[in-house]
Amino acid sequence: MTIDTTNMCSFLQKKLFEEDGVYHHIWTVMQDDNELTAVVRSRQLHIYRNGKKVLVLAGKAAPKIIREDRLCEIVHKGLSK
């Protein structure tokens, strides 16, 4: 999966792509899941499963869970560490 990071918040880029980032484990799971797609909108990462939005990740704000999904469980586990 490739994402155009031109308009992505720099805080979110660090959290997502750096190995010690809070969301890096989500990024690695997304690479192996063919049902997931992601788009950058308003500097945030909107994640979709089979065309339905499940999660929005932002740099400084808390993640917004739109639909319950196994990806959201990973977010909960990652934030509780």
PDB file of N, CA and C in Angstrom:
ATOM      1  N   MET A   1       0.849  -1.171   0.000  1.00  0.00           N
ATOM      2  CA  MET A   1       0.000   0.000   0.000  1.00  0.00           C
ATOM      3  C   MET A   1       0.893   1.233   0.000  1.00  0.00           C
ATOM      4  N   THR A   2       0.589   2.164  -0.862  1.00  0.00           N
ATOM      5  CA  THR A   2       1.312   3.431  -0.877  1.00  0.00           C
ATOM      6  C   THR A   2       0.317   4.552  -0.619  1.00  0.00           C
ATOM      7  N   ILE A   3       0.781   5.569   0.075  1.00  0.00           N
ATOM      8  CA  ILE A   3      -0.059   6.710   0.427  1.00  0.00           C
ATOM      9  C   ILE A   3       0.687   7.976   0.050  1.00  0.00           C
ATOM     10  N   ASP A   4      -0.029   8.921  -0.552  1.00  0.00           N
ATOM     11  CA  ASP A   4       0.556  10.223  -0.850  1.00  0.00           C
ATOM     12  C   ASP A   4       0.591  11.021   0.451  1.00  0.00           C
ATOM     13  N   THR A   5       1.776  11.217   0.986  1.00  0.00           N
ATOM     14  CA  THR A   5       1.919  11.880   2.290  1.00  0.00           C
ATOM     15  C   THR A   5       2.107  13.386   2.173  1.00  0.00           C
ATOM     16  N   THR A   6       1.942  13.937   0.981  1.00  0.00           N
ATOM     17  CA  THR A   6       2.163  15.364   0.757  1.00  0.00           C
ATOM     18  C   THR A   6       1.353  16.223   1.718  1.00  0.00           C
ATOM     19  N   ASN A   7       0.087  15.893   1.903  1.00  0.00           N
ATOM     20  CA  ASN A   7      -0.791  16.704   2.749  1.00  0.00           C
ATOM     21  C   ASN A   7      -1.025  16.103   4.129  1.00  0.00           C
ATOM     22  N   MET A   8      -0.226  15.112   4.505  1.00  0.00           N
ATOM     23  CA  MET A   8      -0.401  14.463   5.804  1.00  0.00           C
ATOM     24  C   MET A   8       0.310  15.267   6.892  1.00  0.00           C
ATOM     25  N   CYS A   9      -0.319  15.363   8.033  1.00  0.00           N
ATOM     26  CA  CYS A   9       0.252  16.040   9.193  1.00  0.00           C
ATOM     27  C   CYS A   9       1.600  15.407   9.552  1.00  0.00           C
ATOM     28  N   SER A  10       2.592  16.243   9.841  1.00  0.00           N
ATOM     29  CA  SER A  10       3.930  15.725  10.146  1.00  0.00           C
ATOM     30  C   SER A  10       3.931  14.880  11.422  1.00  0.00           C
ATOM     31  N   PHE A  11       3.089  15.223  12.392  1.00  0.00           N
ATOM     32  CA  PHE A  11       2.990  14.419  13.616  1.00  0.00           C
ATOM     33  C   PHE A  11       2.463  13.026  13.288  1.00  0.00           C
ATOM     34  N   LEU A  12       1.471  12.970  12.403  1.00  0.00           N
ATOM     35  CA  LEU A  12       0.902  11.689  12.006  1.00  0.00           C
ATOM     36  C   LEU A  12       1.924  10.862  11.238  1.00  0.00           C
ATOM     37  N   GLN A  13       2.707  11.506  10.390  1.00  0.00           N
ATOM     38  CA  GLN A  13       3.750  10.784   9.653  1.00  0.00           C
ATOM     39  C   GLN A  13       4.717  10.112  10.618  1.00  0.00           C
ATOM     40  N   LYS A  14       5.120  10.833  11.651  1.00  0.00           N
ATOM     41  CA  LYS A  14       6.045  10.261  12.639  1.00  0.00           C
ATOM     42  C   LYS A  14       5.398   9.092  13.379  1.00  0.00           C
ATOM     43  N   LYS A  15       4.145   9.263  13.800  1.00  0.00           N
ATOM     44  CA  LYS A  15       3.451   8.206  14.538  1.00  0.00           C
ATOM     45  C   LYS A  15       3.235   6.963  13.685  1.00  0.00           C
ATOM     46  N   LEU A  16       3.053   7.152  12.388  1.00  0.00           N
ATOM     47  CA  LEU A  16       2.698   6.050  11.498  1.00  0.00           C
ATOM     48  C   LEU A  16       3.909   5.342  10.916  1.00  0.00           C
ATOM     49  N   PHE A  17       4.911   6.088  10.494  1.00  0.00           N
ATOM     50  CA  PHE A  17       6.000   5.500   9.720  1.00  0.00           C
ATOM     51  C   PHE A  17       7.270   5.201  10.510  1.00  0.00           C
ATOM     52  N   GLU A  18       7.492   5.871  11.633  1.00  0.00           N
ATOM     53  CA  GLU A  18       8.691   5.582  12.421  1.00  0.00           C
ATOM     54  C   GLU A  18       8.446   4.338  13.276  1.00  0.00           C
ATOM     55  N   GLU A  19       9.469   3.509  13.406  1.00  0.00           N
ATOM     56  CA  GLU A  19       9.296   2.217  14.088  1.00  0.00           C
ATOM     57  C   GLU A  19       8.840   2.340  15.535  1.00  0.00           C
ATOM     58  N   ASP A  20       9.167   3.432  16.205  1.00  0.00           N
ATOM     59  CA  ASP A  20       8.729   3.609  17.590  1.00  0.00           C
ATOM     60  C   ASP A  20       7.446   4.436  17.682  1.00  0.00           C
ATOM     61  N   GLY A  21       6.808   4.697  16.551  1.00  0.00           N
ATOM     62  CA  GLY A  21       5.578   5.485  16.518  1.00  0.00           C
ATOM     63  C   GLY A  21       4.387   4.722  17.079  1.00  0.00           C
ATOM     64  N   VAL A  22       3.446   5.461  17.634  1.00  0.00           N
ATOM     65  CA  VAL A  22       2.259   4.879  18.263  1.00  0.00           C
ATOM     66  C   VAL A  22       1.426   4.078  17.257  1.00  0.00           C
ATOM     67  N   TYR A  23       1.350   4.538  16.011  1.00  0.00           N
ATOM     68  CA  TYR A  23       0.514   3.888  15.000  1.00  0.00           C
ATOM     69  C   TYR A  23       1.301   2.990  14.049  1.00  0.00           C
ATOM     70  N   HIS A  24       2.581   2.791  14.289  1.00  0.00           N
ATOM     71  CA  HIS A  24       3.392   2.014  13.340  1.00  0.00           C
ATOM     72  C   HIS A  24       2.886   0.580  13.193  1.00  0.00           C
ATOM     73  N   HIS A  25       2.431  -0.024  14.278  1.00  0.00           N
ATOM     74  CA  HIS A  25       1.907  -1.390  14.194  1.00  0.00           C
ATOM     75  C   HIS A  25       0.663  -1.446  13.302  1.00  0.00           C
ATOM     76  N   ILE A  26      -0.118  -0.366  13.268  1.00  0.00           N
ATOM     77  CA  ILE A  26      -1.277  -0.302  12.379  1.00  0.00           C
ATOM     78  C   ILE A  26      -0.807  -0.274  10.925  1.00  0.00           C
ATOM     79  N   TRP A  27       0.231   0.506  10.663  1.00  0.00           N
ATOM     80  CA  TRP A  27       0.778   0.604   9.311  1.00  0.00           C
ATOM     81  C   TRP A  27       1.256  -0.765   8.820  1.00  0.00           C
ATOM     82  N   THR A  28       1.924  -1.518   9.676  1.00  0.00           N
ATOM     83  CA  THR A  28       2.418  -2.831   9.255  1.00  0.00           C
ATOM     84  C   THR A  28       1.266  -3.797   8.975  1.00  0.00           C
ATOM     85  N   VAL A  29       0.201  -3.733   9.766  1.00  0.00           N
ATOM     86  CA  VAL A  29      -0.970  -4.582   9.526  1.00  0.00           C
ATOM     87  C   VAL A  29      -1.648  -4.190   8.214  1.00  0.00           C
ATOM     88  N   MET A  30      -1.714  -2.894   7.942  1.00  0.00           N
ATOM     89  CA  MET A  30      -2.351  -2.414   6.716  1.00  0.00           C
ATOM     90  C   MET A  30      -1.625  -2.916   5.469  1.00  0.00           C
ATOM     91  N   GLN A  31      -0.329  -3.109   5.559  1.00  0.00           N
ATOM     92  CA  GLN A  31       0.447  -3.571   4.410  1.00  0.00           C
ATOM     93  C   GLN A  31       0.039  -4.970   3.962  1.00  0.00           C
ATOM     94  N   ASP A  32      -0.414  -5.793   4.899  1.00  0.00           N
ATOM     95  CA  ASP A  32      -0.740  -7.188   4.603  1.00  0.00           C
ATOM     96  C   ASP A  32      -2.230  -7.437   4.377  1.00  0.00           C
ATOM     97  N   ASP A  33      -3.058  -6.415   4.546  1.00  0.00           N
ATOM     98  CA  ASP A  33      -4.510  -6.592   4.455  1.00  0.00           C
ATOM     99  C   ASP A  33      -5.026  -5.974   3.154  1.00  0.00           C
ATOM    100  N   ASN A  34      -5.426  -6.813   2.210  1.00  0.00           N
ATOM    101  CA  ASN A  34      -5.877  -6.337   0.899  1.00  0.00           C
ATOM    102  C   ASN A  34      -7.248  -5.676   0.930  1.00  0.00           C
ATOM    103  N   GLU A  35      -8.004  -5.847   2.002  1.00  0.00           N
ATOM    104  CA  GLU A  35      -9.332  -5.245   2.100  1.00  0.00           C
ATOM    105  C   GLU A  35      -9.263  -3.782   2.516  1.00  0.00           C
ATOM    106  N   LEU A  36      -8.108  -3.332   3.004  1.00  0.00           N
ATOM    107  CA  LEU A  36      -7.967  -1.971   3.509  1.00  0.00           C
ATOM    108  C   LEU A  36      -7.443  -1.027   2.441  1.00  0.00           C
ATOM    109  N   THR A  37      -7.998   0.184   2.444  1.00  0.00           N
ATOM    110  CA  THR A  37      -7.468   1.280   1.636  1.00  0.00           C
ATOM    111  C   THR A  37      -7.379   2.496   2.545  1.00  0.00           C
ATOM    112  N   ALA A  38      -6.552   3.449   2.160  1.00  0.00           N
ATOM    113  CA  ALA A  38      -6.377   4.642   2.984  1.00  0.00           C
ATOM    114  C   ALA A  38      -6.201   5.863   2.097  1.00  0.00           C
ATOM    115  N   VAL A  39      -6.740   6.996   2.570  1.00  0.00           N
ATOM    116  CA  VAL A  39      -6.674   8.252   1.841  1.00  0.00           C
ATOM    117  C   VAL A  39      -6.363   9.363   2.837  1.00  0.00           C
ATOM    118  N   VAL A  40      -5.528  10.315   2.430  1.00  0.00           N
ATOM    119  CA  VAL A  40      -5.243  11.476   3.270  1.00  0.00           C
ATOM    120  C   VAL A  40      -6.247  12.569   2.924  1.00  0.00           C
ATOM    121  N   ARG A  41      -6.978  13.020   3.929  1.00  0.00           N
ATOM    122  CA  ARG A  41      -7.921  14.127   3.779  1.00  0.00           C
ATOM    123  C   ARG A  41      -7.773  15.026   4.992  1.00  0.00           C
ATOM    124  N   SER A  42      -7.701  16.313   4.747  1.00  0.00           N
ATOM    125  CA  SER A  42      -7.593  17.298   5.840  1.00  0.00           C
ATOM    126  C   SER A  42      -6.463  16.940   6.793  1.00  0.00           C
ATOM    127  N   ARG A  43      -5.335  16.510   6.230  1.00  0.00           N
ATOM    128  CA  ARG A  43      -4.123  16.181   6.970  1.00  0.00           C
ATOM    129  C   ARG A  43      -4.263  14.943   7.854  1.00  0.00           C
ATOM    130  N   GLN A  44      -5.399  14.242   7.756  1.00  0.00           N
ATOM    131  CA  GLN A  44      -5.659  13.037   8.535  1.00  0.00           C
ATOM    132  C   GLN A  44      -5.694  11.828   7.608  1.00  0.00           C
ATOM    133  N   LEU A  45      -5.499  10.639   8.172  1.00  0.00           N
ATOM    134  CA  LEU A  45      -5.546   9.406   7.395  1.00  0.00           C
ATOM    135  C   LEU A  45      -6.890   8.717   7.620  1.00  0.00           C
ATOM    136  N   HIS A  46      -7.668   8.596   6.554  1.00  0.00           N
ATOM    137  CA  HIS A  46      -8.968   7.936   6.598  1.00  0.00           C
ATOM    138  C   HIS A  46      -8.772   6.518   6.081  1.00  0.00           C
ATOM    139  N   ILE A  47      -9.123   5.538   6.894  1.00  0.00           N
ATOM    140  CA  ILE A  47      -8.902   4.133   6.556  1.00  0.00           C
ATOM    141  C   ILE A  47     -10.250   3.458   6.295  1.00  0.00           C
ATOM    142  N   TYR A  48     -10.306   2.731   5.184  1.00  0.00           N
ATOM    143  CA  TYR A  48     -11.532   2.069   4.737  1.00  0.00           C
ATOM    144  C   TYR A  48     -11.311   0.566   4.616  1.00  0.00           C
ATOM    145  N   ARG A  49     -12.342  -0.197   4.936  1.00  0.00           N
ATOM    146  CA  ARG A  49     -12.340  -1.641   4.686  1.00  0.00           C
ATOM    147  C   ARG A  49     -13.509  -1.925   3.746  1.00  0.00           C
ATOM    148  N   ASN A  50     -13.189  -2.474   2.584  1.00  0.00           N
ATOM    149  CA  ASN A  50     -14.210  -2.781   1.568  1.00  0.00           C
ATOM    150  C   ASN A  50     -15.087  -1.568   1.256  1.00  0.00           C
ATOM    151  N   GLY A  51     -14.479  -0.384   1.189  1.00  0.00           N
ATOM    152  CA  GLY A  51     -15.201   0.832   0.819  1.00  0.00           C
ATOM    153  C   GLY A  51     -15.939   1.518   1.942  1.00  0.00           C
ATOM    154  N   LYS A  52     -15.909   0.973   3.149  1.00  0.00           N
ATOM    155  CA  LYS A  52     -16.602   1.587   4.286  1.00  0.00           C
ATOM    156  C   LYS A  52     -15.573   2.099   5.278  1.00  0.00           C
ATOM    157  N   LYS A  53     -15.732   3.357   5.669  1.00  0.00           N
ATOM    158  CA  LYS A  53     -14.778   3.980   6.585  1.00  0.00           C
ATOM    159  C   LYS A  53     -14.838   3.313   7.945  1.00  0.00           C
ATOM    160  N   VAL A  54     -13.658   2.968   8.477  1.00  0.00           N
ATOM    161  CA  VAL A  54     -13.608   2.332   9.793  1.00  0.00           C
ATOM    162  C   VAL A  54     -12.846   3.166  10.814  1.00  0.00           C
ATOM    163  N   LEU A  55     -11.905   3.999  10.357  1.00  0.00           N
ATOM    164  CA  LEU A  55     -11.019   4.671  11.302  1.00  0.00           C
ATOM    165  C   LEU A  55     -10.438   5.935  10.685  1.00  0.00           C
ATOM    166  N   VAL A  56     -10.251   6.971  11.517  1.00  0.00           N
ATOM    167  CA  VAL A  56      -9.569   8.188  11.095  1.00  0.00           C
ATOM    168  C   VAL A  56      -8.445   8.448  12.092  1.00  0.00           C
ATOM    169  N   LEU A  57      -7.219   8.532  11.577  1.00  0.00           N
ATOM    170  CA  LEU A  57      -6.059   8.812  12.420  1.00  0.00           C
ATOM    171  C   LEU A  57      -5.601  10.240  12.185  1.00  0.00           C
ATOM    172  N   ALA A  58      -5.348  10.951  13.271  1.00  0.00           N
ATOM    173  CA  ALA A  58      -4.860  12.323  13.197  1.00  0.00           C
ATOM    174  C   ALA A  58      -3.540  12.417  13.948  1.00  0.00           C
ATOM    175  N   GLY A  59      -2.820  13.497  13.723  1.00  0.00           N
ATOM    176  CA  GLY A  59      -1.520  13.658  14.357  1.00  0.00           C
ATOM    177  C   GLY A  59      -1.606  13.907  15.850  1.00  0.00           C
ATOM    178  N   LYS A  60      -2.338  14.940  16.234  1.00  0.00           N
ATOM    179  CA  LYS A  60      -2.406  15.306  17.652  1.00  0.00           C
ATOM    180  C   LYS A  60      -3.702  14.865  18.320  1.00  0.00           C
ATOM    181  N   ALA A  61      -4.769  14.716  17.550  1.00  0.00           N
ATOM    182  CA  ALA A  61      -6.067  14.326  18.113  1.00  0.00           C
ATOM    183  C   ALA A  61      -6.134  12.809  18.297  1.00  0.00           C
ATOM    184  N   ALA A  62      -7.073  12.389  19.104  1.00  0.00           N
ATOM    185  CA  ALA A  62      -7.284  10.953  19.332  1.00  0.00           C
ATOM    186  C   ALA A  62      -7.854  10.310  18.072  1.00  0.00           C
ATOM    187  N   PRO A  63      -7.585   9.034  17.860  1.00  0.00           N
ATOM    188  CA  PRO A  63      -8.153   8.351  16.693  1.00  0.00           C
ATOM    189  C   PRO A  63      -9.678   8.292  16.791  1.00  0.00           C
ATOM    190  N   LYS A  64     -10.346   8.433  15.647  1.00  0.00           N
ATOM    191  CA  LYS A  64     -11.808   8.385  15.614  1.00  0.00           C
ATOM    192  C   LYS A  64     -12.231   7.045  15.031  1.00  0.00           C
ATOM    193  N   ILE A  65     -12.891   6.252  15.842  1.00  0.00           N
ATOM    194  CA  ILE A  65     -13.382   4.957  15.387  1.00  0.00           C
ATOM    195  C   ILE A  65     -14.774   5.166  14.802  1.00  0.00           C
ATOM    196  N   ILE A  66     -14.912   4.865  13.528  1.00  0.00           N
ATOM    197  CA  ILE A  66     -16.181   5.038  12.836  1.00  0.00           C
ATOM    198  C   ILE A  66     -17.009   3.755  12.922  1.00  0.00           C
ATOM    199  N   ARG A  67     -16.379   2.615  12.654  1.00  0.00           N
ATOM    200  CA  ARG A  67     -17.017   1.299  12.730  1.00  0.00           C
ATOM    201  C   ARG A  67     -16.109   0.362  13.510  1.00  0.00           C
ATOM    202  N   GLU A  68     -16.713  -0.540  14.254  1.00  0.00           N
ATOM    203  CA  GLU A  68     -15.905  -1.542  14.947  1.00  0.00           C
ATOM    204  C   GLU A  68     -15.252  -2.451  13.909  1.00  0.00           C
ATOM    205  N   ASP A  69     -13.966  -2.672  14.081  1.00  0.00           N
ATOM    206  CA  ASP A  69     -13.187  -3.444  13.123  1.00  0.00           C
ATOM    207  C   ASP A  69     -11.985  -4.002  13.871  1.00  0.00           C
ATOM    208  N   ARG A  70     -11.400  -5.062  13.340  1.00  0.00           N
ATOM    209  CA  ARG A  70     -10.222  -5.630  14.014  1.00  0.00           C
ATOM    210  C   ARG A  70      -9.066  -4.635  14.037  1.00  0.00           C
ATOM    211  N   LEU A  71      -9.035  -3.704  13.103  1.00  0.00           N
ATOM    212  CA  LEU A  71      -8.008  -2.668  13.102  1.00  0.00           C
ATOM    213  C   LEU A  71      -8.184  -1.738  14.308  1.00  0.00           C
ATOM    214  N   CYS A  72      -9.423  -1.477  14.679  1.00  0.00           N
ATOM    215  CA  CYS A  72      -9.701  -0.625  15.837  1.00  0.00           C
ATOM    216  C   CYS A  72      -9.230  -1.279  17.133  1.00  0.00           C
ATOM    217  N   GLU A  73      -9.310  -2.606  17.200  1.00  0.00           N
ATOM    218  CA  GLU A  73      -8.807  -3.325  18.373  1.00  0.00           C
ATOM    219  C   GLU A  73      -7.303  -3.119  18.514  1.00  0.00           C
ATOM    220  N   ILE A  74      -6.611  -3.078  17.392  1.00  0.00           N
ATOM    221  CA  ILE A  74      -5.164  -2.838  17.408  1.00  0.00           C
ATOM    222  C   ILE A  74      -4.874  -1.436  17.927  1.00  0.00           C
ATOM    223  N   VAL A  75      -5.712  -0.473  17.559  1.00  0.00           N
ATOM    224  CA  VAL A  75      -5.541   0.902  18.041  1.00  0.00           C
ATOM    225  C   VAL A  75      -5.677   0.934  19.553  1.00  0.00           C
ATOM    226  N   HIS A  76      -6.711   0.280  20.083  1.00  0.00           N
ATOM    227  CA  HIS A  76      -6.920   0.255  21.534  1.00  0.00           C
ATOM    228  C   HIS A  76      -5.727  -0.361  22.257  1.00  0.00           C
ATOM    229  N   LYS A  77      -5.219  -1.461  21.735  1.00  0.00           N
ATOM    230  CA  LYS A  77      -4.074  -2.122  22.362  1.00  0.00           C
ATOM    231  C   LYS A  77      -2.839  -1.235  22.313  1.00  0.00           C
ATOM    232  N   GLY A  78      -2.628  -0.565  21.192  1.00  0.00           N
ATOM    233  CA  GLY A  78      -1.452   0.290  21.030  1.00  0.00           C
ATOM    234  C   GLY A  78      -1.482   1.506  21.934  1.00  0.00           C
ATOM    235  N   LEU A  79      -2.663   2.081  22.144  1.00  0.00           N
ATOM    236  CA  LEU A  79      -2.773   3.271  22.978  1.00  0.00           C
ATOM    237  C   LEU A  79      -2.724   2.945  24.463  1.00  0.00           C
ATOM    238  N   SER A  80      -3.053   1.718  24.826  1.00  0.00           N
ATOM    239  CA  SER A  80      -3.056   1.355  26.244  1.00  0.00           C
ATOM    240  C   SER A  80      -1.675   0.978  26.759  1.00  0.00           C
ATOM    241  N   LYS A  81      -0.684   0.905  25.871  1.00  0.00           N
ATOM    242  CA  LYS A  81       0.682   0.551  26.303  1.00  0.00           C
ATOM    243  C   LYS A  81       1.317   1.673  27.066  1.00  0.00           C
TER     244      LYS A  81
END
